[in-house]
Structure formats: structure tokens, C-alpha cells
Amino acid sequence: MLFVVNQKYQPFSNQAFKIVAQIEKDVKNAYIGGDPVDDYNIYNFITSNFAIIVAEISITMFILLYIMTRSLATSGAVIYTILSAVAITLALERVLFASILGYSIFAVVPIFLVSIIIGIGMDYNIFLISRVHEELEKGLTMEDAVETAVSKLKLTIAFLGLIFAGTLGSLMLVYASILQELGFAFAAAAILETTILWSYLMPSLLIILYKKFRIRPKLIV
């Protein structure tokens, strides 16, 4: 027998997922299909494996950073700063789209966010590390080198982040939930990464690493 269930909710909404979950719970020994079911299964798969995916990406980027900076601590500080931007962005995304608008977060959004923001975040933080190294080579102390590097690059990095945020953030103007979520995620993460986290968190970590362990940024390969 074939039963067709029509619902008024969008396929990726929380309400649609609740209906799918209830049908899968109540109906045994049957094939259940349709867009909401496929979206629900993809969402559950990525959600259950998200930590593994993030770990794999982070470890890969950490290895590349270590090759470039020759410092485990500095590489870890960069990854920590970038993942902080991702975590804050996902929290804002859930509050806006899930709690306020009533949508589930599209499964591809966190994956794309982690991949792209780690990529651009590495670039911006490598700029900072390179400039701090140059100032140290001039004879400045660690604190002065970090302060000089941040003050000279802060506006440039911030504007680069705003350009990136404005370009991909324009997806929020498209009347499609997945593109709106992607646009918001990219814009928010880029702004966070290139302003607050780049100007304050990463420099603070560099200074803490130096004071505690005498670790200085090394020459980029």
C-alpha cells in the first residue's frame, strides 16, 4: 500500500523533521521517502559525524601550519582562534534561524563554514605571524612586536574581512533558506575572525605563549 503524506511545512524546517521522526517511529517495515525524509537523514548523518569532520579538517590544517611556522603552539593558537569564530557563528546561526525563524540548520552550512573559514582564517593569521616575526627581527620586544603588527595591519585585515562578508553575505538577500543561512554564516564568521578575534584573541595568545613558554613566531617557510 502507498500512503502519501502532504504537509504544509518547508522540507528543512523543524516542524517537517518532527513529522518525519514521528512517522519513522510509528511505521515499521516500510520504505519512507520524499524530500523531507532525505533532508532529515542527511541532517542526522552530518550532525552525528560533525565532530569527526571538524577534527579531520583541523588536523590537516594544523599539519600545514606546523610546516609553515615550525611551531606546534603557534599552529594550535591559529586553529583555536579560527574554531572560535566557527563556534560563535554557529551559535548565532542557531539562535537566529532555529530559535527565532523556526528552521533547522541546513546540514551543509556547518561543513562549508568550517572549510571556508579555516581557509581564510589561516591566511589572515599567517599575515599576523609573519609581521610579528619581522618586528622581532628588528629588535623589538614580543609585546611591542605584536602591538606594532596589529596596529599596522588591523584596518587592512578588517576591510578584507568586510569585503568577504559583503560579497558572500549578499546571499541573505536571496529568497532561499539555505542561501540565507550560508550568507549569514560566512558574513558573521568573516567579521568575527578579522576584527575581534584577529585583533585581540590571536595577539593575546601569542603574548601568553611567549610569557609562559618563551615561544616566539618563527620564520614562515
Protein backbone atom coordinates (compact mmCIF):
# COMPACT_ATOMS: atom_id res chain seq x y z
CA MET A 1 0.00 0.00 0.00
CA LEU A 2 1.13 3.52 -0.75
CA PHE A 3 0.40 6.37 1.64
CA VAL A 4 1.09 9.95 0.62
CA VAL A 5 1.53 12.46 3.42
CA ASN A 6 1.33 16.11 2.41
CA GLN A 7 2.49 18.69 4.91
CA LYS A 8 2.44 22.46 4.83
CA TYR A 9 5.92 22.94 6.24
CA GLN A 10 9.11 23.52 4.28
CA PRO A 11 11.21 20.33 3.84
CA PHE A 12 14.05 21.52 6.07
CA SER A 13 12.00 23.09 8.86
CA ASN A 14 11.89 21.82 12.43
CA GLN A 15 8.18 21.07 12.02
CA ALA A 16 8.81 18.88 8.95
CA PHE A 17 11.56 16.98 10.76
CA LYS A 18 9.28 16.31 13.72
CA ILE A 19 6.66 14.83 11.40
CA VAL A 20 9.27 12.64 9.67
CA ALA A 21 10.62 11.44 13.01
CA GLN A 22 7.12 10.59 14.21
CA ILE A 23 6.29 8.67 11.01
CA GLU A 24 9.56 6.70 11.20
CA LYS A 25 8.76 5.87 14.81
CA ASP A 26 5.19 4.73 14.14
CA VAL A 27 5.59 2.96 10.78
CA LYS A 28 7.57 -0.29 10.83
CA ASN A 29 8.77 -2.49 7.95
CA ALA A 30 8.10 0.20 5.35
CA TYR A 31 10.02 2.43 2.97
CA ILE A 32 9.61 6.11 3.74
CA GLY A 33 10.73 8.59 1.10
CA GLY A 34 10.44 12.19 -0.01
CA ASP A 35 12.40 15.41 0.25
CA PRO A 36 11.81 15.96 3.99
CA VAL A 37 12.92 12.38 4.70
CA ASP A 38 16.08 12.73 2.62
CA ASP A 39 16.89 16.08 4.24
CA TYR A 40 16.23 14.63 7.69
CA ASN A 41 18.55 11.65 7.08
CA ILE A 42 21.33 13.88 5.68
CA TYR A 43 20.98 16.23 8.62
CA ASN A 44 21.23 13.38 11.13
CA PHE A 45 24.25 11.88 9.37
CA ILE A 46 26.24 15.12 9.29
CA THR A 47 25.18 16.04 12.82
CA SER A 48 26.35 12.71 14.20
CA ASN A 49 29.66 12.91 12.31
CA PHE A 50 30.26 16.66 12.55
CA ALA A 51 32.90 16.38 15.28
CA ILE A 52 34.86 13.84 13.22
CA ILE A 53 34.69 16.04 10.11
CA VAL A 54 35.85 19.12 12.03
CA ALA A 55 38.67 17.13 13.63
CA GLU A 56 39.89 15.84 10.25
CA ILE A 57 39.88 19.32 8.71
CA SER A 58 41.53 20.88 11.76
CA ILE A 59 44.28 18.24 11.94
CA THR A 60 45.03 18.66 8.22
CA MET A 61 45.27 22.44 8.58
CA PHE A 62 47.32 22.06 11.77
CA ILE A 63 49.89 19.96 9.93
CA LEU A 64 50.13 22.54 7.15
CA LEU A 65 50.50 25.33 9.70
CA TYR A 66 53.23 23.46 11.52
CA ILE A 67 55.15 23.00 8.27
CA MET A 68 54.88 26.75 7.64
CA THR A 69 55.51 28.08 11.16
CA ARG A 70 57.59 25.24 12.64
CA SER A 71 55.77 25.75 15.93
CA LEU A 72 53.17 23.43 17.47
CA ALA A 73 51.97 26.08 19.92
CA THR A 74 51.59 28.80 17.28
CA SER A 75 49.75 26.42 14.97
CA GLY A 76 47.43 25.45 17.79
CA ALA A 77 46.73 29.10 18.59
CA VAL A 78 45.73 29.77 14.98
CA ILE A 79 43.38 26.77 14.86
CA TYR A 80 41.88 27.74 18.22
CA THR A 81 41.21 31.30 17.02
CA ILE A 82 39.56 30.12 13.81
CA LEU A 83 37.41 27.48 15.51
CA SER A 84 36.30 30.14 17.99
CA ALA A 85 34.90 32.12 15.07
CA VAL A 86 33.15 29.00 13.78
CA ALA A 87 31.67 28.15 17.19
CA ILE A 88 30.36 31.68 17.82
CA THR A 89 28.91 31.84 14.31
CA LEU A 90 27.10 28.51 14.64
CA ALA A 91 25.65 29.68 17.96
CA LEU A 92 24.38 32.91 16.36
CA GLU A 93 23.06 30.92 13.41
CA ARG A 94 21.09 28.59 15.67
CA VAL A 95 19.63 31.47 17.66
CA LEU A 96 18.55 33.38 14.54
CA PHE A 97 17.36 30.62 12.22
CA ALA A 98 16.35 27.83 14.61
CA SER A 99 15.07 29.67 17.68
CA ILE A 100 13.64 32.81 16.07
CA LEU A 101 12.72 31.80 12.50
CA GLY A 102 11.95 28.14 13.23
CA TYR A 103 14.27 26.49 10.67
CA SER A 104 16.70 23.68 11.18
CA ILE A 105 20.28 24.48 10.25
CA PHE A 106 20.93 23.04 6.79
CA ALA A 107 23.39 20.18 7.07
CA VAL A 108 25.83 21.64 4.55
CA VAL A 109 26.09 25.00 6.33
CA PRO A 110 28.40 23.93 9.21
CA ILE A 111 30.59 21.90 6.85
CA PHE A 112 31.04 24.74 4.34
CA LEU A 113 31.55 27.19 7.21
CA VAL A 114 34.34 25.16 8.79
CA SER A 115 36.09 24.52 5.47
CA ILE A 116 35.99 28.07 4.14
CA ILE A 117 36.56 29.97 7.37
CA ILE A 118 39.54 27.80 8.33
CA GLY A 119 40.98 28.54 4.89
CA ILE A 120 40.64 32.32 5.03
CA GLY A 121 41.40 32.43 8.75
CA MET A 122 44.73 30.75 8.15
CA ASP A 123 45.66 33.43 5.62
CA TYR A 124 44.84 36.35 7.92
CA ASN A 125 46.59 34.85 10.95
CA ILE A 126 49.67 33.95 8.91
CA PHE A 127 49.86 37.62 7.90
CA LEU A 128 49.95 38.50 11.59
CA ILE A 129 52.55 35.87 12.48
CA SER A 130 54.78 36.95 9.58
CA ARG A 131 54.59 40.60 10.58
CA VAL A 132 55.30 39.83 14.24
CA HIS A 133 58.35 37.84 13.16
CA GLU A 134 59.58 40.78 11.06
CA GLU A 135 59.22 43.16 14.01
CA LEU A 136 61.06 40.74 16.29
CA GLU A 137 63.89 40.59 13.76
CA LYS A 138 64.14 44.39 14.05
CA GLY A 139 64.89 44.02 17.74
CA LEU A 140 61.50 44.81 19.30
CA THR A 141 60.25 43.00 22.36
CA MET A 142 57.44 40.46 21.94
CA GLU A 143 54.79 42.82 23.31
CA ASP A 144 55.95 45.71 21.12
CA ALA A 145 56.21 43.47 18.05
CA VAL A 146 52.65 42.22 18.46
CA GLU A 147 51.33 45.72 19.15
CA THR A 148 53.08 47.13 16.09
CA ALA A 149 51.96 44.32 13.83
CA VAL A 150 48.34 44.61 14.91
CA SER A 151 48.24 48.40 14.65
CA LYS A 152 49.70 48.41 11.14
CA LEU A 153 47.59 45.55 9.76
CA LYS A 154 44.34 45.97 11.71
CA LEU A 155 42.47 48.18 9.25
CA THR A 156 43.68 46.25 6.21
CA ILE A 157 42.58 42.90 7.63
CA ALA A 158 39.27 44.36 8.81
CA PHE A 159 38.47 45.73 5.35
CA LEU A 160 39.43 42.43 3.73
CA GLY A 161 37.01 40.72 6.08
CA LEU A 162 34.28 43.24 5.27
CA ILE A 163 34.78 42.68 1.55
CA PHE A 164 34.46 38.93 2.01
CA ALA A 165 31.46 39.37 4.32
CA GLY A 166 29.74 41.76 1.93
CA THR A 167 30.28 39.50 -1.08
CA LEU A 168 29.00 36.25 0.42
CA GLY A 169 26.67 37.99 2.86
CA SER A 170 24.65 39.21 -0.12
CA LEU A 171 23.29 35.65 -0.33
CA MET A 172 21.00 36.65 2.53
CA LEU A 173 19.03 38.73 0.02
CA VAL A 174 18.08 35.62 -1.96
CA TYR A 175 14.71 34.11 -1.06
CA ALA A 176 16.07 30.65 -0.29
CA SER A 177 16.66 29.44 3.26
CA ILE A 178 19.89 27.54 2.57
CA LEU A 179 21.48 30.51 0.79
CA GLN A 180 20.38 32.87 3.55
CA GLU A 181 21.93 30.62 6.18
CA LEU A 182 25.16 30.29 4.20
CA GLY A 183 25.33 34.04 3.61
CA PHE A 184 24.80 34.85 7.27
CA ALA A 185 27.31 32.22 8.41
CA PHE A 186 30.08 33.39 6.07
CA ALA A 187 29.49 37.08 6.80
CA ALA A 188 29.35 36.68 10.59
CA ALA A 189 32.39 34.39 10.76
CA ALA A 190 34.47 36.62 8.48
CA ILE A 191 33.67 39.74 10.51
CA LEU A 192 34.40 37.99 13.81
CA GLU A 193 37.64 36.48 12.52
CA THR A 194 39.04 39.67 11.00
CA THR A 195 38.07 42.09 13.79
CA ILE A 196 37.66 40.93 17.39
CA LEU A 197 39.41 37.57 17.18
CA TRP A 198 42.24 38.69 14.88
CA SER A 199 42.91 41.94 16.75
CA TYR A 200 42.56 40.67 20.31
CA LEU A 201 42.40 36.88 20.73
CA MET A 202 45.27 35.84 18.46
CA PRO A 203 47.68 38.58 19.65
CA SER A 204 46.83 37.73 23.26
CA LEU A 205 47.59 34.05 22.66
CA LEU A 206 50.94 34.93 21.08
CA ILE A 207 51.91 37.03 24.08
CA ILE A 208 50.72 34.37 26.57
CA LEU A 209 52.72 31.68 24.77
CA TYR A 210 55.81 33.87 24.94
CA LYS A 211 55.41 34.77 28.62
CA LYS A 212 54.66 31.22 29.72
CA PHE A 213 56.88 29.18 27.42
CA ARG A 214 59.15 31.69 25.62
CA ILE A 215 57.65 30.68 22.27
CA ARG A 216 58.21 33.21 19.51
CA PRO A 217 56.75 33.11 15.99
CA LYS A 218 59.32 31.60 13.69
CA LEU A 219 60.15 32.34 10.09
CA ILE A 220 57.46 31.21 7.68
CA VAL A 221 58.83 28.57 5.28
